[in-house]
Amino acid sequence: MTARILLVEDEPSIAEIVDFALTSEGFQVVWRTLVREAEAELAATPCDLTILDLGLPDGSGLELLKRLRRHSEMPVLILSARNAELDRVLGLELGADDYVTKPFSPRELAARVKAILKRTIRKPPDAGETGQSRRESGFVVDEARAIIRFQNQPLDLTRYEYLLLKTLLAQPERVFSRAQLMDQVWPDPAASFERSVDTHIKTLRAKLRDIDPNNDPIRTHRGLGYSIRVRDASP
């Protein structure tokens, strides 16, 4: 199935370059120039990925990203002329999957889009599988639905929180360095920052405490990274 890409960009010359680069790779591109047009498009027809400029005529791309992340885990690639580290960190911490600065290489942009989609579009479960992983002392990972339950309650997780927790649960007690977690979770680790791991671990812990205030299964290993403790579920 052809991936449908929403491009939110108010500069026609940039939009034409992006459209040509992506359609040449077989993607379907829908171009919108305003925040309200983008939101209307997403409400009408789901997309597989959004490429988002930050400076739009009727609003901020970051504000649009924040609203999207309240209800959607659709991949978002920011394409912006803002190249300061603070802007990149903020965009990634708000939930962007990648950040590309202008001017840019159209071939590299297409490669980044393909890398994101390869990691984020879920494969259907094999025949006969339930899609539900083994129970790990209060945790149940349902990969088919991209849901993790803790103490029988579904966790309201962002994409990165879900992937981080799933990675830790796949190998309980193993200490993952920040770099290893970034390699597992972020589409382009080189474009992200290790502090992003700490930020998402902090929010993960808060969500786990909301369900069980006395249980903090995620361990911090100073100077090394993180692991998850799996208690024996038997009495």
C-alpha atoms as a PDB file:
ATOM      1  CA  MET A   1       0.000   0.000   0.000  1.00  0.00           C
ATOM      2  CA  THR A   2       1.286   3.473  -0.918  1.00  0.00           C
ATOM      3  CA  ALA A   3       2.094   5.591   2.129  1.00  0.00           C
ATOM      4  CA  ARG A   4       0.159   8.851   2.306  1.00  0.00           C
ATOM      5  CA  ILE A   5       2.275  11.835   3.354  1.00  0.00           C
ATOM      6  CA  LEU A   6       0.810  15.152   4.534  1.00  0.00           C
ATOM      7  CA  LEU A   7       3.127  18.076   3.774  1.00  0.00           C
ATOM      8  CA  VAL A   8       2.385  21.246   5.754  1.00  0.00           C
ATOM      9  CA  GLU A   9       4.513  23.959   4.130  1.00  0.00           C
ATOM     10  CA  ASP A  10       3.652  27.518   3.073  1.00  0.00           C
ATOM     11  CA  GLU A  11       6.529  28.039   0.599  1.00  0.00           C
ATOM     12  CA  PRO A  12       5.513  26.700  -2.844  1.00  0.00           C
ATOM     13  CA  SER A  13       9.131  26.266  -4.009  1.00  0.00           C
ATOM     14  CA  ILE A  14       9.945  24.074  -0.993  1.00  0.00           C
ATOM     15  CA  ALA A  15       6.688  22.152  -1.357  1.00  0.00           C
ATOM     16  CA  GLU A  16       7.427  21.401  -5.030  1.00  0.00           C
ATOM     17  CA  ILE A  17      10.875  20.000  -4.160  1.00  0.00           C
ATOM     18  CA  VAL A  18       9.479  17.806  -1.376  1.00  0.00           C
ATOM     19  CA  ASP A  19       6.570  16.638  -3.520  1.00  0.00           C
ATOM     20  CA  PHE A  20       8.872  15.644  -6.396  1.00  0.00           C
ATOM     21  CA  ALA A  21      11.349  13.860  -4.086  1.00  0.00           C
ATOM     22  CA  LEU A  22       8.647  11.811  -2.381  1.00  0.00           C
ATOM     23  CA  THR A  23       6.418  11.026  -5.363  1.00  0.00           C
ATOM     24  CA  SER A  24       9.547   9.813  -7.181  1.00  0.00           C
ATOM     25  CA  GLU A  25       9.879   7.258  -4.376  1.00  0.00           C
ATOM     26  CA  GLY A  26       6.271   6.134  -4.789  1.00  0.00           C
ATOM     27  CA  PHE A  27       4.665   8.096  -1.948  1.00  0.00           C
ATOM     28  CA  GLN A  28       1.348   9.933  -2.219  1.00  0.00           C
ATOM     29  CA  VAL A  29       1.807  13.553  -1.124  1.00  0.00           C
ATOM     30  CA  VAL A  30      -0.986  15.863   0.058  1.00  0.00           C
ATOM     31  CA  TRP A  31       0.113  19.504   0.355  1.00  0.00           C
ATOM     32  CA  ARG A  32      -1.477  21.988   2.752  1.00  0.00           C
ATOM     33  CA  THR A  33      -0.210  25.486   3.602  1.00  0.00           C
ATOM     34  CA  LEU A  34      -2.059  26.318   6.831  1.00  0.00           C
ATOM     35  CA  VAL A  35      -2.451  24.774  10.277  1.00  0.00           C
ATOM     36  CA  ARG A  36      -6.243  24.720  10.007  1.00  0.00           C
ATOM     37  CA  GLU A  37      -6.074  23.076   6.580  1.00  0.00           C
ATOM     38  CA  ALA A  38      -3.723  20.409   7.927  1.00  0.00           C
ATOM     39  CA  GLU A  39      -6.003  19.645  10.881  1.00  0.00           C
ATOM     40  CA  ALA A  40      -9.030  19.438   8.595  1.00  0.00           C
ATOM     41  CA  GLU A  41      -7.162  17.069   6.254  1.00  0.00           C
ATOM     42  CA  LEU A  42      -6.109  14.781   9.111  1.00  0.00           C
ATOM     43  CA  ALA A  43      -9.629  14.747  10.505  1.00  0.00           C
ATOM     44  CA  ALA A  44     -11.013  13.755   7.101  1.00  0.00           C
ATOM     45  CA  THR A  45      -8.422  11.213   5.955  1.00  0.00           C
ATOM     46  CA  PRO A  46      -5.701   9.471   7.996  1.00  0.00           C
ATOM     47  CA  CYS A  47      -2.093   9.904   6.857  1.00  0.00           C
ATOM     48  CA  ASP A  48       0.935   7.712   7.455  1.00  0.00           C
ATOM     49  CA  LEU A  49       3.315  10.608   8.160  1.00  0.00           C
ATOM     50  CA  THR A  50       3.299  14.392   8.334  1.00  0.00           C
ATOM     51  CA  ILE A  51       6.135  16.697   7.248  1.00  0.00           C
ATOM     52  CA  LEU A  52       5.674  19.886   9.219  1.00  0.00           C
ATOM     53  CA  ASP A  53       7.108  23.370   8.845  1.00  0.00           C
ATOM     54  CA  LEU A  54       7.244  25.371  12.077  1.00  0.00           C
ATOM     55  CA  GLY A  55       6.570  28.896  10.829  1.00  0.00           C
ATOM     56  CA  LEU A  56       3.122  28.804   9.226  1.00  0.00           C
ATOM     57  CA  PRO A  57       0.940  31.825   8.332  1.00  0.00           C
ATOM     58  CA  ASP A  58      -1.890  30.977  10.723  1.00  0.00           C
ATOM     59  CA  GLY A  59      -0.042  29.414  13.637  1.00  0.00           C
ATOM     60  CA  SER A  60       2.912  27.532  15.052  1.00  0.00           C
ATOM     61  CA  GLY A  61       3.895  24.115  13.786  1.00  0.00           C
ATOM     62  CA  LEU A  62       4.976  23.213  17.325  1.00  0.00           C
ATOM     63  CA  GLU A  63       1.503  23.989  18.644  1.00  0.00           C
ATOM     64  CA  LEU A  64       0.031  21.778  15.925  1.00  0.00           C
ATOM     65  CA  LEU A  65       2.471  19.020  16.937  1.00  0.00           C
ATOM     66  CA  LYS A  66       1.409  19.302  20.585  1.00  0.00           C
ATOM     67  CA  ARG A  67      -2.250  19.006  19.645  1.00  0.00           C
ATOM     68  CA  LEU A  68      -1.548  16.006  17.423  1.00  0.00           C
ATOM     69  CA  ARG A  69       0.296  14.209  20.201  1.00  0.00           C
ATOM     70  CA  ARG A  70      -2.729  14.427  22.488  1.00  0.00           C
ATOM     71  CA  HIS A  71      -4.563  11.880  20.370  1.00  0.00           C
ATOM     72  CA  SER A  72      -2.277  10.584  17.610  1.00  0.00           C
ATOM     73  CA  GLU A  73       1.025   8.722  17.304  1.00  0.00           C
ATOM     74  CA  MET A  74       1.319   9.381  13.568  1.00  0.00           C
ATOM     75  CA  PRO A  75       4.990  10.000  12.692  1.00  0.00           C
ATOM     76  CA  VAL A  76       5.947  13.657  12.280  1.00  0.00           C
ATOM     77  CA  LEU A  77       9.092  14.963  10.591  1.00  0.00           C
ATOM     78  CA  ILE A  78       9.819  18.644  11.191  1.00  0.00           C
ATOM     79  CA  LEU A  79      11.230  20.524   8.190  1.00  0.00           C
ATOM     80  CA  SER A  80      12.323  23.977   9.315  1.00  0.00           C
ATOM     81  CA  ALA A  81      14.765  26.797   8.693  1.00  0.00           C
ATOM     82  CA  ARG A  82      15.267  27.005  12.463  1.00  0.00           C
ATOM     83  CA  ASN A  83      18.537  25.202  13.113  1.00  0.00           C
ATOM     84  CA  ALA A  84      19.291  26.187  16.715  1.00  0.00           C
ATOM     85  CA  GLU A  85      19.863  23.277  19.104  1.00  0.00           C
ATOM     86  CA  LEU A  86      17.054  24.527  21.353  1.00  0.00           C
ATOM     87  CA  ASP A  87      14.534  24.325  18.505  1.00  0.00           C
ATOM     88  CA  ARG A  88      15.673  20.810  17.599  1.00  0.00           C
ATOM     89  CA  VAL A  89      15.517  19.601  21.198  1.00  0.00           C
ATOM     90  CA  LEU A  90      12.083  21.155  21.738  1.00  0.00           C
ATOM     91  CA  GLY A  91      10.673  19.644  18.552  1.00  0.00           C
ATOM     92  CA  LEU A  92      11.970  16.169  19.392  1.00  0.00           C
ATOM     93  CA  GLU A  93      10.842  16.338  23.005  1.00  0.00           C
ATOM     94  CA  LEU A  94       7.350  17.390  21.912  1.00  0.00           C
ATOM     95  CA  GLY A  95       7.145  14.158  19.942  1.00  0.00           C
ATOM     96  CA  ALA A  96       8.631  14.735  16.487  1.00  0.00           C
ATOM     97  CA  ASP A  97      10.256  11.647  15.006  1.00  0.00           C
ATOM     98  CA  ASP A  98      12.933  13.571  13.133  1.00  0.00           C
ATOM     99  CA  TYR A  99      14.087  17.145  12.488  1.00  0.00           C
ATOM    100  CA  VAL A 100      15.519  18.292   9.154  1.00  0.00           C
ATOM    101  CA  THR A 101      16.771  21.834   8.610  1.00  0.00           C
ATOM    102  CA  LYS A 102      16.515  23.938   5.457  1.00  0.00           C
ATOM    103  CA  PRO A 103      18.304  23.961   3.065  1.00  0.00           C
ATOM    104  CA  PHE A 104      18.112  20.199   2.755  1.00  0.00           C
ATOM    105  CA  SER A 105      18.927  17.349   0.426  1.00  0.00           C
ATOM    106  CA  PRO A 106      15.736  15.993  -1.204  1.00  0.00           C
ATOM    107  CA  ARG A 107      17.283  12.503  -1.423  1.00  0.00           C
ATOM    108  CA  GLU A 108      18.210  12.566   2.261  1.00  0.00           C
ATOM    109  CA  LEU A 109      14.708  13.758   3.178  1.00  0.00           C
ATOM    110  CA  ALA A 110      13.162  10.872   1.233  1.00  0.00           C
ATOM    111  CA  ALA A 111      15.559   8.444   2.940  1.00  0.00           C
ATOM    112  CA  ARG A 112      14.596   9.763   6.372  1.00  0.00           C
ATOM    113  CA  VAL A 113      10.901   9.416   5.554  1.00  0.00           C
ATOM    114  CA  LYS A 114      11.437   5.812   4.472  1.00  0.00           C
ATOM    115  CA  ALA A 115      13.421   5.076   7.640  1.00  0.00           C
ATOM    116  CA  ILE A 116      10.671   6.477   9.859  1.00  0.00           C
ATOM    117  CA  LEU A 117       7.929   4.557   8.080  1.00  0.00           C
ATOM    118  CA  LYS A 118       9.941   1.342   8.177  1.00  0.00           C
ATOM    119  CA  ARG A 119      10.177   1.569  11.960  1.00  0.00           C
ATOM    120  CA  THR A 120       6.704   2.856  12.748  1.00  0.00           C
ATOM    121  CA  ILE A 121       4.276   1.067  10.420  1.00  0.00           C
ATOM    122  CA  ARG A 122       3.322  -2.096  12.274  1.00  0.00           C
ATOM    123  CA  LYS A 123       3.330  -5.450  10.516  1.00  0.00           C
ATOM    124  CA  PRO A 124       0.175  -7.557  10.896  1.00  0.00           C
ATOM    125  CA  PRO A 125       0.473 -10.374  13.448  1.00  0.00           C
ATOM    126  CA  ASP A 126       1.268 -13.842  12.136  1.00  0.00           C
ATOM    127  CA  ALA A 127      -1.633 -16.209  11.684  1.00  0.00           C
ATOM    128  CA  GLY A 128      -2.517 -17.986  14.900  1.00  0.00           C
ATOM    129  CA  GLU A 129      -0.839 -15.382  17.100  1.00  0.00           C
ATOM    130  CA  THR A 130      -2.852 -13.410  19.608  1.00  0.00           C
ATOM    131  CA  GLY A 131      -0.558 -10.402  19.305  1.00  0.00           C
ATOM    132  CA  GLN A 132      -0.164 -10.358  23.063  1.00  0.00           C
ATOM    133  CA  SER A 133       3.234 -10.942  24.603  1.00  0.00           C
ATOM    134  CA  ARG A 134       4.032 -12.725  27.811  1.00  0.00           C
ATOM    135  CA  ARG A 135       2.951 -11.195  31.096  1.00  0.00           C
ATOM    136  CA  GLU A 136       5.835  -9.648  33.012  1.00  0.00           C
ATOM    137  CA  SER A 137       4.864  -9.083  36.641  1.00  0.00           C
ATOM    138  CA  GLY A 138       2.029  -6.663  36.029  1.00  0.00           C
ATOM    139  CA  PHE A 139       2.978  -5.693  32.467  1.00  0.00           C
ATOM    140  CA  VAL A 140       1.243  -7.010  29.345  1.00  0.00           C
ATOM    141  CA  VAL A 141       2.519  -5.911  25.935  1.00  0.00           C
ATOM    142  CA  ASP A 142      -0.054  -6.111  23.147  1.00  0.00           C
ATOM    143  CA  GLU A 143       2.071  -5.449  20.075  1.00  0.00           C
ATOM    144  CA  ALA A 144      -0.766  -5.790  17.553  1.00  0.00           C
ATOM    145  CA  ARG A 145      -2.554  -2.847  19.171  1.00  0.00           C
ATOM    146  CA  ALA A 146       0.607  -1.070  20.380  1.00  0.00           C
ATOM    147  CA  ILE A 147      -0.715  -1.071  23.945  1.00  0.00           C
ATOM    148  CA  ILE A 148       1.045  -1.853  27.220  1.00  0.00           C
ATOM    149  CA  ARG A 149      -1.041  -2.626  30.289  1.00  0.00           C
ATOM    150  CA  PHE A 150       0.254  -2.197  33.817  1.00  0.00           C
ATOM    151  CA  GLN A 151      -1.647  -3.749  36.719  1.00  0.00           C
ATOM    152  CA  ASN A 152      -4.462  -4.519  34.238  1.00  0.00           C
ATOM    153  CA  GLN A 153      -4.769  -0.857  33.217  1.00  0.00           C
ATOM    154  CA  PRO A 154      -3.789   0.410  29.746  1.00  0.00           C
ATOM    155  CA  LEU A 155      -1.040   3.031  29.835  1.00  0.00           C
ATOM    156  CA  ASP A 156      -1.603   6.250  27.885  1.00  0.00           C
ATOM    157  CA  LEU A 157       1.811   6.360  26.218  1.00  0.00           C
ATOM    158  CA  THR A 158       3.408   8.447  23.510  1.00  0.00           C
ATOM    159  CA  ARG A 159       5.211   6.616  20.713  1.00  0.00           C
ATOM    160  CA  TYR A 160       8.613   7.023  22.361  1.00  0.00           C
ATOM    161  CA  GLU A 161       7.336   6.013  25.808  1.00  0.00           C
ATOM    162  CA  TYR A 162       5.754   2.899  24.319  1.00  0.00           C
ATOM    163  CA  LEU A 163       8.896   1.895  22.419  1.00  0.00           C
ATOM    164  CA  LEU A 164      11.179   2.604  25.379  1.00  0.00           C
ATOM    165  CA  LEU A 165       9.061   0.536  27.765  1.00  0.00           C
ATOM    166  CA  LYS A 166       8.678  -2.293  25.241  1.00  0.00           C
ATOM    167  CA  THR A 167      12.461  -2.348  24.736  1.00  0.00           C
ATOM    168  CA  LEU A 168      13.126  -2.544  28.478  1.00  0.00           C
ATOM    169  CA  LEU A 169      10.500  -5.264  28.979  1.00  0.00           C
ATOM    170  CA  ALA A 170      11.938  -7.378  26.169  1.00  0.00           C
ATOM    171  CA  GLN A 171      15.056  -7.976  28.293  1.00  0.00           C
ATOM    172  CA  PRO A 172      14.219  -7.491  31.984  1.00  0.00           C
ATOM    173  CA  GLU A 173      17.126  -6.608  34.280  1.00  0.00           C
ATOM    174  CA  ARG A 174      19.391  -5.800  31.327  1.00  0.00           C
ATOM    175  CA  VAL A 175      21.037  -2.393  31.620  1.00  0.00           C
ATOM    176  CA  PHE A 176      20.553  -0.391  28.414  1.00  0.00           C
ATOM    177  CA  SER A 177      22.767   2.624  27.825  1.00  0.00           C
ATOM    178  CA  ARG A 178      21.090   5.790  26.557  1.00  0.00           C
ATOM    179  CA  ALA A 179      22.761   5.274  23.184  1.00  0.00           C
ATOM    180  CA  GLN A 180      21.382   1.716  22.946  1.00  0.00           C
ATOM    181  CA  LEU A 181      17.877   2.916  23.759  1.00  0.00           C
ATOM    182  CA  MET A 182      18.145   5.659  21.146  1.00  0.00           C
ATOM    183  CA  ASP A 183      19.251   3.098  18.548  1.00  0.00           C
ATOM    184  CA  GLN A 184      16.201   0.959  19.357  1.00  0.00           C
ATOM    185  CA  VAL A 185      13.601   3.732  19.563  1.00  0.00           C
ATOM    186  CA  TRP A 186      14.546   6.791  17.505  1.00  0.00           C
ATOM    187  CA  PRO A 187      14.444   6.561  13.681  1.00  0.00           C
ATOM    188  CA  ASP A 188      17.651   8.603  13.412  1.00  0.00           C
ATOM    189  CA  PRO A 189      19.561   8.506  16.716  1.00  0.00           C
ATOM    190  CA  ALA A 190      22.221  10.864  15.358  1.00  0.00           C
ATOM    191  CA  ALA A 191      19.599  13.609  15.008  1.00  0.00           C
ATOM    192  CA  SER A 192      18.357  13.186  18.589  1.00  0.00           C
ATOM    193  CA  PHE A 193      19.876  13.864  21.975  1.00  0.00           C
ATOM    194  CA  GLU A 194      20.573  11.564  24.911  1.00  0.00           C
ATOM    195  CA  ARG A 195      18.696  13.915  27.232  1.00  0.00           C
ATOM    196  CA  SER A 196      15.541  12.968  25.289  1.00  0.00           C
ATOM    197  CA  VAL A 197      15.831   9.464  26.768  1.00  0.00           C
ATOM    198  CA  ASP A 198      15.913  10.918  30.297  1.00  0.00           C
ATOM    199  CA  THR A 199      12.882  13.098  29.561  1.00  0.00           C
ATOM    200  CA  HIS A 200      10.787  10.183  28.315  1.00  0.00           C
ATOM    201  CA  ILE A 201      11.889   7.888  31.152  1.00  0.00           C
ATOM    202  CA  LYS A 202      10.763  10.587  33.606  1.00  0.00           C
ATOM    203  CA  THR A 203       7.290  10.808  32.065  1.00  0.00           C
ATOM    204  CA  LEU A 204       7.081   7.004  31.900  1.00  0.00           C
ATOM    205  CA  ARG A 205       7.803   6.748  35.618  1.00  0.00           C
ATOM    206  CA  ALA A 206       5.134   9.321  36.400  1.00  0.00           C
ATOM    207  CA  LYS A 207       2.514   7.343  34.454  1.00  0.00           C
ATOM    208  CA  LEU A 208       3.470   4.115  36.225  1.00  0.00           C
ATOM    209  CA  ARG A 209       3.252   5.844  39.618  1.00  0.00           C
ATOM    210  CA  ASP A 210      -0.230   7.106  38.765  1.00  0.00           C
ATOM    211  CA  ILE A 211      -1.324   3.459  38.658  1.00  0.00           C
ATOM    212  CA  ASP A 212       0.859   2.042  41.449  1.00  0.00           C
ATOM    213  CA  PRO A 213       2.502   4.732  43.640  1.00  0.00           C
ATOM    214  CA  ASN A 214       4.525   2.122  45.536  1.00  0.00           C
ATOM    215  CA  ASN A 215       6.069   0.464  42.494  1.00  0.00           C
ATOM    216  CA  ASP A 216       8.982   1.999  40.559  1.00  0.00           C
ATOM    217  CA  PRO A 217      10.170  -0.814  38.267  1.00  0.00           C
ATOM    218  CA  ILE A 218      12.483   1.343  36.137  1.00  0.00           C
ATOM    219  CA  ARG A 219      15.972   1.492  37.610  1.00  0.00           C
ATOM    220  CA  THR A 220      18.548   4.203  36.945  1.00  0.00           C
ATOM    221  CA  HIS A 221      22.140   3.006  36.784  1.00  0.00           C
ATOM    222  CA  ARG A 222      24.258   6.131  37.179  1.00  0.00           C
ATOM    223  CA  GLY A 223      26.745   6.531  34.378  1.00  0.00           C
ATOM    224  CA  LEU A 224      25.373   3.435  32.634  1.00  0.00           C
ATOM    225  CA  GLY A 225      21.700   3.764  31.710  1.00  0.00           C
ATOM    226  CA  TYR A 226      18.379   2.123  32.600  1.00  0.00           C
ATOM    227  CA  SER A 227      16.893  -1.284  33.257  1.00  0.00           C
ATOM    228  CA  ILE A 228      13.491  -2.604  34.334  1.00  0.00           C
ATOM    229  CA  ARG A 229      12.985  -4.798  37.361  1.00  0.00           C
ATOM    230  CA  VAL A 230      10.609  -7.705  36.958  1.00  0.00           C
ATOM    231  CA  ARG A 231       9.335  -9.028  40.243  1.00  0.00           C
ATOM    232  CA  ASP A 232       8.312 -12.630  40.612  1.00  0.00           C
ATOM    233  CA  ALA A 233       4.568 -12.601  40.026  1.00  0.00           C
ATOM    234  CA  SER A 234       4.029 -15.806  41.977  1.00  0.00           C
ATOM    235  CA  PRO A 235       2.880 -15.508  45.617  1.00  0.00           C
END
